[in-house]
Amino acid sequence: MRNLINRFFGSRPKSKEDAKSRLKLILMHDQVDLTPSELERMKAEIIDVISRYVEVDDSHVEFRLNRAEDGVQLVSSVPVRRVTARA
């Protein structure tokens, strides 16, 4: 019985939070004024520059936009496998 009640009443907050997250993402994209393809291109260019100095683990790179009080922040996590040889 408890599972049935949780199924009906427990799922609504998750849907609400998911919708809230999607709306925040849309608002940030509007504020930055970049399309998803432009964001992907920017991500690829940033990884290209970083890769000139270190070996990057491409499979675990993360980029996201965070809304801050003074605007939008690009937050990234770029795992480095090793530092490449310097010329």
PDB file of N, CA and C in Angstrom:
ATOM      1  N   MET A   1       0.829  -1.189   0.000  1.00  0.00           N
ATOM      2  CA  MET A   1       0.000   0.000   0.000  1.00  0.00           C
ATOM      3  C   MET A   1       0.876   1.256   0.000  1.00  0.00           C
ATOM      4  N   ARG A   2       1.924   1.215   0.807  1.00  0.00           N
ATOM      5  CA  ARG A   2       2.824   2.367   0.901  1.00  0.00           C
ATOM      6  C   ARG A   2       3.479   2.662  -0.449  1.00  0.00           C
ATOM      7  N   ASN A   3       3.875   1.598  -1.169  1.00  0.00           N
ATOM      8  CA  ASN A   3       4.476   1.764  -2.492  1.00  0.00           C
ATOM      9  C   ASN A   3       3.506   2.408  -3.469  1.00  0.00           C
ATOM     10  N   LEU A   4       2.251   2.027  -3.373  1.00  0.00           N
ATOM     11  CA  LEU A   4       1.235   2.603  -4.242  1.00  0.00           C
ATOM     12  C   LEU A   4       1.062   4.088  -3.962  1.00  0.00           C
ATOM     13  N   ILE A   5       1.033   4.452  -2.710  1.00  0.00           N
ATOM     14  CA  ILE A   5       0.905   5.869  -2.329  1.00  0.00           C
ATOM     15  C   ILE A   5       2.139   6.646  -2.784  1.00  0.00           C
ATOM     16  N   ASN A   6       3.321   6.073  -2.577  1.00  0.00           N
ATOM     17  CA  ASN A   6       4.557   6.739  -3.013  1.00  0.00           C
ATOM     18  C   ASN A   6       4.597   6.896  -4.530  1.00  0.00           C
ATOM     19  N   ARG A   7       4.073   5.921  -5.244  1.00  0.00           N
ATOM     20  CA  ARG A   7       4.064   5.999  -6.695  1.00  0.00           C
ATOM     21  C   ARG A   7       3.217   7.175  -7.172  1.00  0.00           C
ATOM     22  N   PHE A   8       2.061   7.379  -6.520  1.00  0.00           N
ATOM     23  CA  PHE A   8       1.188   8.474  -6.931  1.00  0.00           C
ATOM     24  C   PHE A   8       1.675   9.830  -6.460  1.00  0.00           C
ATOM     25  N   PHE A   9       2.130   9.904  -5.235  1.00  0.00           N
ATOM     26  CA  PHE A   9       2.508  11.189  -4.671  1.00  0.00           C
ATOM     27  C   PHE A   9       4.013  11.458  -4.721  1.00  0.00           C
ATOM     28  N   GLY A  10       4.818  10.423  -4.796  1.00  0.00           N
ATOM     29  CA  GLY A  10       6.264  10.587  -4.786  1.00  0.00           C
ATOM     30  C   GLY A  10       6.843  11.025  -6.116  1.00  0.00           C
ATOM     31  N   SER A  11       6.196  10.738  -7.229  1.00  0.00           N
ATOM     32  CA  SER A  11       6.756  11.055  -8.539  1.00  0.00           C
ATOM     33  C   SER A  11       6.548  12.510  -8.946  1.00  0.00           C
ATOM     34  N   ARG A  12       5.605  13.173  -8.374  1.00  0.00           N
ATOM     35  CA  ARG A  12       5.326  14.550  -8.785  1.00  0.00           C
ATOM     36  C   ARG A  12       6.471  15.520  -8.503  1.00  0.00           C
ATOM     37  N   PRO A  13       7.087  15.490  -7.335  1.00  0.00           N
ATOM     38  CA  PRO A  13       8.199  16.422  -7.111  1.00  0.00           C
ATOM     39  C   PRO A  13       9.337  16.219  -8.104  1.00  0.00           C
ATOM     40  N   LYS A  14       9.591  14.969  -8.493  1.00  0.00           N
ATOM     41  CA  LYS A  14      10.656  14.716  -9.449  1.00  0.00           C
ATOM     42  C   LYS A  14      10.322  15.358 -10.789  1.00  0.00           C
ATOM     43  N   SER A  15       9.096  15.195 -11.257  1.00  0.00           N
ATOM     44  CA  SER A  15       8.677  15.810 -12.509  1.00  0.00           C
ATOM     45  C   SER A  15       8.783  17.325 -12.419  1.00  0.00           C
ATOM     46  N   LYS A  16       8.406  17.867 -11.280  1.00  0.00           N
ATOM     47  CA  LYS A  16       8.478  19.303 -11.074  1.00  0.00           C
ATOM     48  C   LYS A  16       9.930  19.770 -11.119  1.00  0.00           C
ATOM     49  N   GLU A  17      10.815  19.040 -10.464  1.00  0.00           N
ATOM     50  CA  GLU A  17      12.235  19.399 -10.457  1.00  0.00           C
ATOM     51  C   GLU A  17      12.851  19.254 -11.844  1.00  0.00           C
ATOM     52  N   ASP A  18      12.465  18.221 -12.576  1.00  0.00           N
ATOM     53  CA  ASP A  18      12.958  18.043 -13.943  1.00  0.00           C
ATOM     54  C   ASP A  18      12.524  19.214 -14.824  1.00  0.00           C
ATOM     55  N   ALA A  19      11.278  19.603 -14.710  1.00  0.00           N
ATOM     56  CA  ALA A  19      10.773  20.724 -15.499  1.00  0.00           C
ATOM     57  C   ALA A  19      11.496  22.016 -15.122  1.00  0.00           C
ATOM     58  N   LYS A  20      11.745  22.198 -13.831  1.00  0.00           N
ATOM     59  CA  LYS A  20      12.451  23.390 -13.364  1.00  0.00           C
ATOM     60  C   LYS A  20      13.875  23.432 -13.926  1.00  0.00           C
ATOM     61  N   SER A  21      14.550  22.289 -13.940  1.00  0.00           N
ATOM     62  CA  SER A  21      15.908  22.204 -14.481  1.00  0.00           C
ATOM     63  C   SER A  21      15.922  22.506 -15.974  1.00  0.00           C
ATOM     64  N   ARG A  22      14.953  21.958 -16.709  1.00  0.00           N
ATOM     65  CA  ARG A  22      14.887  22.222 -18.148  1.00  0.00           C
ATOM     66  C   ARG A  22      14.634  23.696 -18.421  1.00  0.00           C
ATOM     67  N   LEU A  23      13.768  24.311 -17.651  1.00  0.00           N
ATOM     68  CA  LEU A  23      13.480  25.731 -17.826  1.00  0.00           C
ATOM     69  C   LEU A  23      14.710  26.579 -17.540  1.00  0.00           C
ATOM     70  N   LYS A  24      15.458  26.257 -16.486  1.00  0.00           N
ATOM     71  CA  LYS A  24      16.690  26.989 -16.183  1.00  0.00           C
ATOM     72  C   LYS A  24      17.680  26.881 -17.325  1.00  0.00           C
ATOM     73  N   LEU A  25      17.801  25.686 -17.891  1.00  0.00           N
ATOM     74  CA  LEU A  25      18.721  25.473 -18.998  1.00  0.00           C
ATOM     75  C   LEU A  25      18.306  26.312 -20.211  1.00  0.00           C
ATOM     76  N   ILE A  26      17.019  26.338 -20.507  1.00  0.00           N
ATOM     77  CA  ILE A  26      16.526  27.141 -21.633  1.00  0.00           C
ATOM     78  C   ILE A  26      16.790  28.617 -21.391  1.00  0.00           C
ATOM     79  N   LEU A  27      16.547  29.095 -20.188  1.00  0.00           N
ATOM     80  CA  LEU A  27      16.781  30.505 -19.873  1.00  0.00           C
ATOM     81  C   LEU A  27      18.256  30.868 -19.982  1.00  0.00           C
ATOM     82  N   MET A  28      19.135  29.980 -19.539  1.00  0.00           N
ATOM     83  CA  MET A  28      20.570  30.248 -19.645  1.00  0.00           C
ATOM     84  C   MET A  28      21.005  30.276 -21.104  1.00  0.00           C
ATOM     85  N   HIS A  29      20.489  29.348 -21.910  1.00  0.00           N
ATOM     86  CA  HIS A  29      20.846  29.341 -23.325  1.00  0.00           C
ATOM     87  C   HIS A  29      20.363  30.615 -23.990  1.00  0.00           C
ATOM     88  N   ASP A  30      19.168  31.093 -23.609  1.00  0.00           N
ATOM     89  CA  ASP A  30      18.672  32.352 -24.163  1.00  0.00           C
ATOM     90  C   ASP A  30      19.561  33.514 -23.756  1.00  0.00           C
ATOM     91  N   GLN A  31      20.018  33.529 -22.513  1.00  0.00           N
ATOM     92  CA  GLN A  31      20.861  34.614 -22.030  1.00  0.00           C
ATOM     93  C   GLN A  31      22.219  34.603 -22.722  1.00  0.00           C
ATOM     94  N   VAL A  32      22.767  33.426 -22.963  1.00  0.00           N
ATOM     95  CA  VAL A  32      24.061  33.298 -23.624  1.00  0.00           C
ATOM     96  C   VAL A  32      23.887  33.487 -25.127  1.00  0.00           C
ATOM     97  N   ASP A  33      22.721  33.185 -25.647  1.00  0.00           N
ATOM     98  CA  ASP A  33      22.387  33.342 -27.057  1.00  0.00           C
ATOM     99  C   ASP A  33      23.242  32.458 -27.950  1.00  0.00           C
ATOM    100  N   LEU A  34      23.460  31.213 -27.549  1.00  0.00           N
ATOM    101  CA  LEU A  34      24.175  30.224 -28.348  1.00  0.00           C
ATOM    102  C   LEU A  34      23.254  29.040 -28.594  1.00  0.00           C
ATOM    103  N   THR A  35      23.286  28.521 -29.805  1.00  0.00           N
ATOM    104  CA  THR A  35      22.507  27.323 -30.104  1.00  0.00           C
ATOM    105  C   THR A  35      23.248  26.111 -29.557  1.00  0.00           C
ATOM    106  N   PRO A  36      22.556  24.984 -29.392  1.00  0.00           N
ATOM    107  CA  PRO A  36      23.248  23.774 -28.929  1.00  0.00           C
ATOM    108  C   PRO A  36      24.423  23.388 -29.831  1.00  0.00           C
ATOM    109  N   SER A  37      24.288  23.565 -31.138  1.00  0.00           N
ATOM    110  CA  SER A  37      25.403  23.222 -32.028  1.00  0.00           C
ATOM    111  C   SER A  37      26.580  24.174 -31.828  1.00  0.00           C
ATOM    112  N   GLU A  38      26.300  25.445 -31.548  1.00  0.00           N
ATOM    113  CA  GLU A  38      27.378  26.401 -31.262  1.00  0.00           C
ATOM    114  C   GLU A  38      28.085  26.047 -29.959  1.00  0.00           C
ATOM    115  N   LEU A  39      27.318  25.615 -28.961  1.00  0.00           N
ATOM    116  CA  LEU A  39      27.923  25.191 -27.697  1.00  0.00           C
ATOM    117  C   LEU A  39      28.816  23.965 -27.906  1.00  0.00           C
ATOM    118  N   GLU A  40      28.362  23.022 -28.725  1.00  0.00           N
ATOM    119  CA  GLU A  40      29.178  21.842 -29.019  1.00  0.00           C
ATOM    120  C   GLU A  40      30.455  22.234 -29.757  1.00  0.00           C
ATOM    121  N   ARG A  41      30.344  23.171 -30.691  1.00  0.00           N
ATOM    122  CA  ARG A  41      31.520  23.640 -31.430  1.00  0.00           C
ATOM    123  C   ARG A  41      32.498  24.337 -30.491  1.00  0.00           C
ATOM    124  N   MET A  42      31.970  25.141 -29.565  1.00  0.00           N
ATOM    125  CA  MET A  42      32.818  25.818 -28.587  1.00  0.00           C
ATOM    126  C   MET A  42      33.532  24.785 -27.710  1.00  0.00           C
ATOM    127  N   LYS A  43      32.800  23.762 -27.281  1.00  0.00           N
ATOM    128  CA  LYS A  43      33.386  22.693 -26.466  1.00  0.00           C
ATOM    129  C   LYS A  43      34.528  22.018 -27.224  1.00  0.00           C
ATOM    130  N   ALA A  44      34.309  21.712 -28.503  1.00  0.00           N
ATOM    131  CA  ALA A  44      35.341  21.056 -29.312  1.00  0.00           C
ATOM    132  C   ALA A  44      36.574  21.949 -29.451  1.00  0.00           C
ATOM    133  N   GLU A  45      36.370  23.239 -29.632  1.00  0.00           N
ATOM    134  CA  GLU A  45      37.497  24.164 -29.767  1.00  0.00           C
ATOM    135  C   GLU A  45      38.288  24.275 -28.465  1.00  0.00           C
ATOM    136  N   ILE A  46      37.583  24.316 -27.349  1.00  0.00           N
ATOM    137  CA  ILE A  46      38.261  24.396 -26.048  1.00  0.00           C
ATOM    138  C   ILE A  46      39.088  23.136 -25.812  1.00  0.00           C
ATOM    139  N   ILE A  47      38.506  21.977 -26.111  1.00  0.00           N
ATOM    140  CA  ILE A  47      39.233  20.719 -25.944  1.00  0.00           C
ATOM    141  C   ILE A  47      40.447  20.679 -26.867  1.00  0.00           C
ATOM    142  N   ASP A  48      40.301  21.211 -28.083  1.00  0.00           N
ATOM    143  CA  ASP A  48      41.419  21.255 -29.026  1.00  0.00           C
ATOM    144  C   ASP A  48      42.583  22.057 -28.460  1.00  0.00           C
ATOM    145  N   VAL A  49      42.291  23.211 -27.875  1.00  0.00           N
ATOM    146  CA  VAL A  49      43.346  24.058 -27.299  1.00  0.00           C
ATOM    147  C   VAL A  49      44.009  23.363 -26.111  1.00  0.00           C
ATOM    148  N   ILE A  50      43.214  22.804 -25.220  1.00  0.00           N
ATOM    149  CA  ILE A  50      43.758  22.124 -24.042  1.00  0.00           C
ATOM    150  C   ILE A  50      44.618  20.935 -24.468  1.00  0.00           C
ATOM    151  N   SER A  51      44.190  20.254 -25.532  1.00  0.00           N
ATOM    152  CA  SER A  51      44.907  19.062 -26.017  1.00  0.00           C
ATOM    153  C   SER A  51      46.299  19.390 -26.560  1.00  0.00           C
ATOM    154  N   ARG A  52      46.567  20.633 -26.840  1.00  0.00           N
ATOM    155  CA  ARG A  52      47.907  21.029 -27.286  1.00  0.00           C
ATOM    156  C   ARG A  52      48.925  20.906 -26.156  1.00  0.00           C
ATOM    157  N   TYR A  53      48.460  20.921 -24.927  1.00  0.00           N
ATOM    158  CA  TYR A  53      49.344  20.927 -23.762  1.00  0.00           C
ATOM    159  C   TYR A  53      49.271  19.660 -22.924  1.00  0.00           C
ATOM    160  N   VAL A  54      48.102  19.008 -22.919  1.00  0.00           N
ATOM    161  CA  VAL A  54      47.917  17.803 -22.120  1.00  0.00           C
ATOM    162  C   VAL A  54      47.081  16.798 -22.913  1.00  0.00           C
ATOM    163  N   GLU A  55      47.197  15.517 -22.544  1.00  0.00           N
ATOM    164  CA  GLU A  55      46.359  14.485 -23.144  1.00  0.00           C
ATOM    165  C   GLU A  55      45.043  14.445 -22.372  1.00  0.00           C
ATOM    166  N   VAL A  56      43.942  14.653 -23.079  1.00  0.00           N
ATOM    167  CA  VAL A  56      42.616  14.773 -22.468  1.00  0.00           C
ATOM    168  C   VAL A  56      41.850  13.460 -22.624  1.00  0.00           C
ATOM    169  N   ASP A  57      41.120  13.072 -21.591  1.00  0.00           N
ATOM    170  CA  ASP A  57      40.226  11.918 -21.651  1.00  0.00           C
ATOM    171  C   ASP A  57      38.883  12.401 -22.200  1.00  0.00           C
ATOM    172  N   ASP A  58      38.722  12.351 -23.526  1.00  0.00           N
ATOM    173  CA  ASP A  58      37.532  12.885 -24.200  1.00  0.00           C
ATOM    174  C   ASP A  58      36.223  12.269 -23.733  1.00  0.00           C
ATOM    175  N   SER A  59      36.270  11.032 -23.301  1.00  0.00           N
ATOM    176  CA  SER A  59      35.031  10.339 -22.939  1.00  0.00           C
ATOM    177  C   SER A  59      34.401  10.850 -21.646  1.00  0.00           C
ATOM    178  N   HIS A  60      35.154  11.609 -20.848  1.00  0.00           N
ATOM    179  CA  HIS A  60      34.618  12.088 -19.570  1.00  0.00           C
ATOM    180  C   HIS A  60      34.607  13.609 -19.439  1.00  0.00           C
ATOM    181  N   VAL A  61      34.723  14.314 -20.561  1.00  0.00           N
ATOM    182  CA  VAL A  61      34.693  15.779 -20.535  1.00  0.00           C
ATOM    183  C   VAL A  61      33.261  16.233 -20.287  1.00  0.00           C
ATOM    184  N   GLU A  62      33.100  17.219 -19.413  1.00  0.00           N
ATOM    185  CA  GLU A  62      31.776  17.773 -19.113  1.00  0.00           C
ATOM    186  C   GLU A  62      31.820  19.290 -19.219  1.00  0.00           C
ATOM    187  N   PHE A  63      30.815  19.858 -19.866  1.00  0.00           N
ATOM    188  CA  PHE A  63      30.640  21.300 -19.934  1.00  0.00           C
ATOM    189  C   PHE A  63      29.204  21.598 -19.564  1.00  0.00           C
ATOM    190  N   ARG A  64      28.992  22.634 -18.773  1.00  0.00           N
ATOM    191  CA  ARG A  64      27.624  23.041 -18.450  1.00  0.00           C
ATOM    192  C   ARG A  64      27.604  24.545 -18.192  1.00  0.00           C
ATOM    193  N   LEU A  65      26.426  25.110 -18.301  1.00  0.00           N
ATOM    194  CA  LEU A  65      26.239  26.522 -18.012  1.00  0.00           C
ATOM    195  C   LEU A  65      25.534  26.638 -16.674  1.00  0.00           C
ATOM    196  N   ASN A  66      26.056  27.482 -15.807  1.00  0.00           N
ATOM    197  CA  ASN A  66      25.439  27.742 -14.510  1.00  0.00           C
ATOM    198  C   ASN A  66      25.043  29.201 -14.436  1.00  0.00           C
ATOM    199  N   ARG A  67      23.879  29.436 -13.932  1.00  0.00           N
ATOM    200  CA  ARG A  67      23.430  30.808 -13.735  1.00  0.00           C
ATOM    201  C   ARG A  67      24.008  31.315 -12.427  1.00  0.00           C
ATOM    202  N   ALA A  68      24.600  32.489 -12.469  1.00  0.00           N
ATOM    203  CA  ALA A  68      25.164  33.120 -11.279  1.00  0.00           C
ATOM    204  C   ALA A  68      24.482  34.470 -11.110  1.00  0.00           C
ATOM    205  N   GLU A  69      24.727  35.108  -9.984  1.00  0.00           N
ATOM    206  CA  GLU A  69      24.109  36.409  -9.726  1.00  0.00           C
ATOM    207  C   GLU A  69      24.494  37.439 -10.774  1.00  0.00           C
ATOM    208  N   ASP A  70      25.740  37.366 -11.228  1.00  0.00           N
ATOM    209  CA  ASP A  70      26.221  38.375 -12.168  1.00  0.00           C
ATOM    210  C   ASP A  70      26.221  37.896 -13.614  1.00  0.00           C
ATOM    211  N   GLY A  71      25.554  36.791 -13.926  1.00  0.00           N
ATOM    212  CA  GLY A  71      25.487  36.315 -15.294  1.00  0.00           C
ATOM    213  C   GLY A  71      25.493  34.804 -15.364  1.00  0.00           C
ATOM    214  N   VAL A  72      26.099  34.304 -16.418  1.00  0.00           N
ATOM    215  CA  VAL A  72      26.159  32.869 -16.661  1.00  0.00           C
ATOM    216  C   VAL A  72      27.615  32.438 -16.643  1.00  0.00           C
ATOM    217  N   GLN A  73      27.875  31.287 -16.034  1.00  0.00           N
ATOM    218  CA  GLN A  73      29.231  30.750 -15.952  1.00  0.00           C
ATOM    219  C   GLN A  73      29.313  29.469 -16.766  1.00  0.00           C
ATOM    220  N   LEU A  74      30.395  29.319 -17.515  1.00  0.00           N
ATOM    221  CA  LEU A  74      30.688  28.064 -18.182  1.00  0.00           C
ATOM    222  C   LEU A  74      31.546  27.261 -17.222  1.00  0.00           C
ATOM    223  N   VAL A  75      31.047  26.109 -16.790  1.00  0.00           N
ATOM    224  CA  VAL A  75      31.765  25.257 -15.850  1.00  0.00           C
ATOM    225  C   VAL A  75      32.150  23.985 -16.595  1.00  0.00           C
ATOM    226  N   SER A  76      33.408  23.617 -16.481  1.00  0.00           N
ATOM    227  CA  SER A  76      33.853  22.434 -17.199  1.00  0.00           C
ATOM    228  C   SER A  76      34.688  21.527 -16.307  1.00  0.00           C
ATOM    229  N   SER A  77      34.687  20.269 -16.690  1.00  0.00           N
ATOM    230  CA  SER A  77      35.540  19.280 -16.069  1.00  0.00           C
ATOM    231  C   SER A  77      36.223  18.551 -17.216  1.00  0.00           C
ATOM    232  N   VAL A  78      37.545  18.697 -17.284  1.00  0.00           N
ATOM    233  CA  VAL A  78      38.308  18.102 -18.377  1.00  0.00           C
ATOM    234  C   VAL A  78      39.370  17.194 -17.762  1.00  0.00           C
ATOM    235  N   PRO A  79      39.097  15.885 -17.713  1.00  0.00           N
ATOM    236  CA  PRO A  79      40.071  14.964 -17.132  1.00  0.00           C
ATOM    237  C   PRO A  79      41.344  14.898 -17.985  1.00  0.00           C
ATOM    238  N   VAL A  80      42.483  15.002 -17.319  1.00  0.00           N
ATOM    239  CA  VAL A  80      43.792  14.964 -17.994  1.00  0.00           C
ATOM    240  C   VAL A  80      44.438  13.615 -17.719  1.00  0.00           C
ATOM    241  N   ARG A  81      44.815  12.945 -18.798  1.00  0.00           N
ATOM    242  CA  ARG A  81      45.511  11.648 -18.640  1.00  0.00           C
ATOM    243  C   ARG A  81      46.972  11.862 -18.288  1.00  0.00           C
ATOM    244  N   ARG A  82      47.623  12.773 -19.014  1.00  0.00           N
ATOM    245  CA  ARG A  82      49.013  13.081 -18.718  1.00  0.00           C
ATOM    246  C   ARG A  82      49.415  14.350 -19.433  1.00  0.00           C
ATOM    247  N   VAL A  83      50.478  14.960 -18.968  1.00  0.00           N
ATOM    248  CA  VAL A  83      51.038  16.147 -19.612  1.00  0.00           C
ATOM    249  C   VAL A  83      51.890  15.674 -20.779  1.00  0.00           C
ATOM    250  N   THR A  84      51.680  16.294 -21.933  1.00  0.00           N
ATOM    251  CA  THR A  84      52.438  15.881 -23.123  1.00  0.00           C
ATOM    252  C   THR A  84      53.830  16.512 -23.095  1.00  0.00           C
ATOM    253  N   ALA A  85      54.711  15.984 -23.925  1.00  0.00           N
ATOM    254  CA  ALA A  85      56.092  16.492 -23.987  1.00  0.00           C
ATOM    255  C   ALA A  85      56.082  17.945 -24.453  1.00  0.00           C
ATOM    256  N   ARG A  86      56.935  18.736 -23.836  1.00  0.00           N
ATOM    257  CA  ARG A  86      57.041  20.146 -24.211  1.00  0.00           C
ATOM    258  C   ARG A  86      58.107  20.303 -25.284  1.00  0.00           C
ATOM    259  N   ALA A  87      57.830  21.211 -26.209  1.00  0.00           N
ATOM    260  CA  ALA A  87      58.797  21.437 -27.305  1.00  0.00           C
ATOM    261  C   ALA A  87      59.868  22.421 -26.883  1.00  0.00           C
TER     262      ALA A  87
END
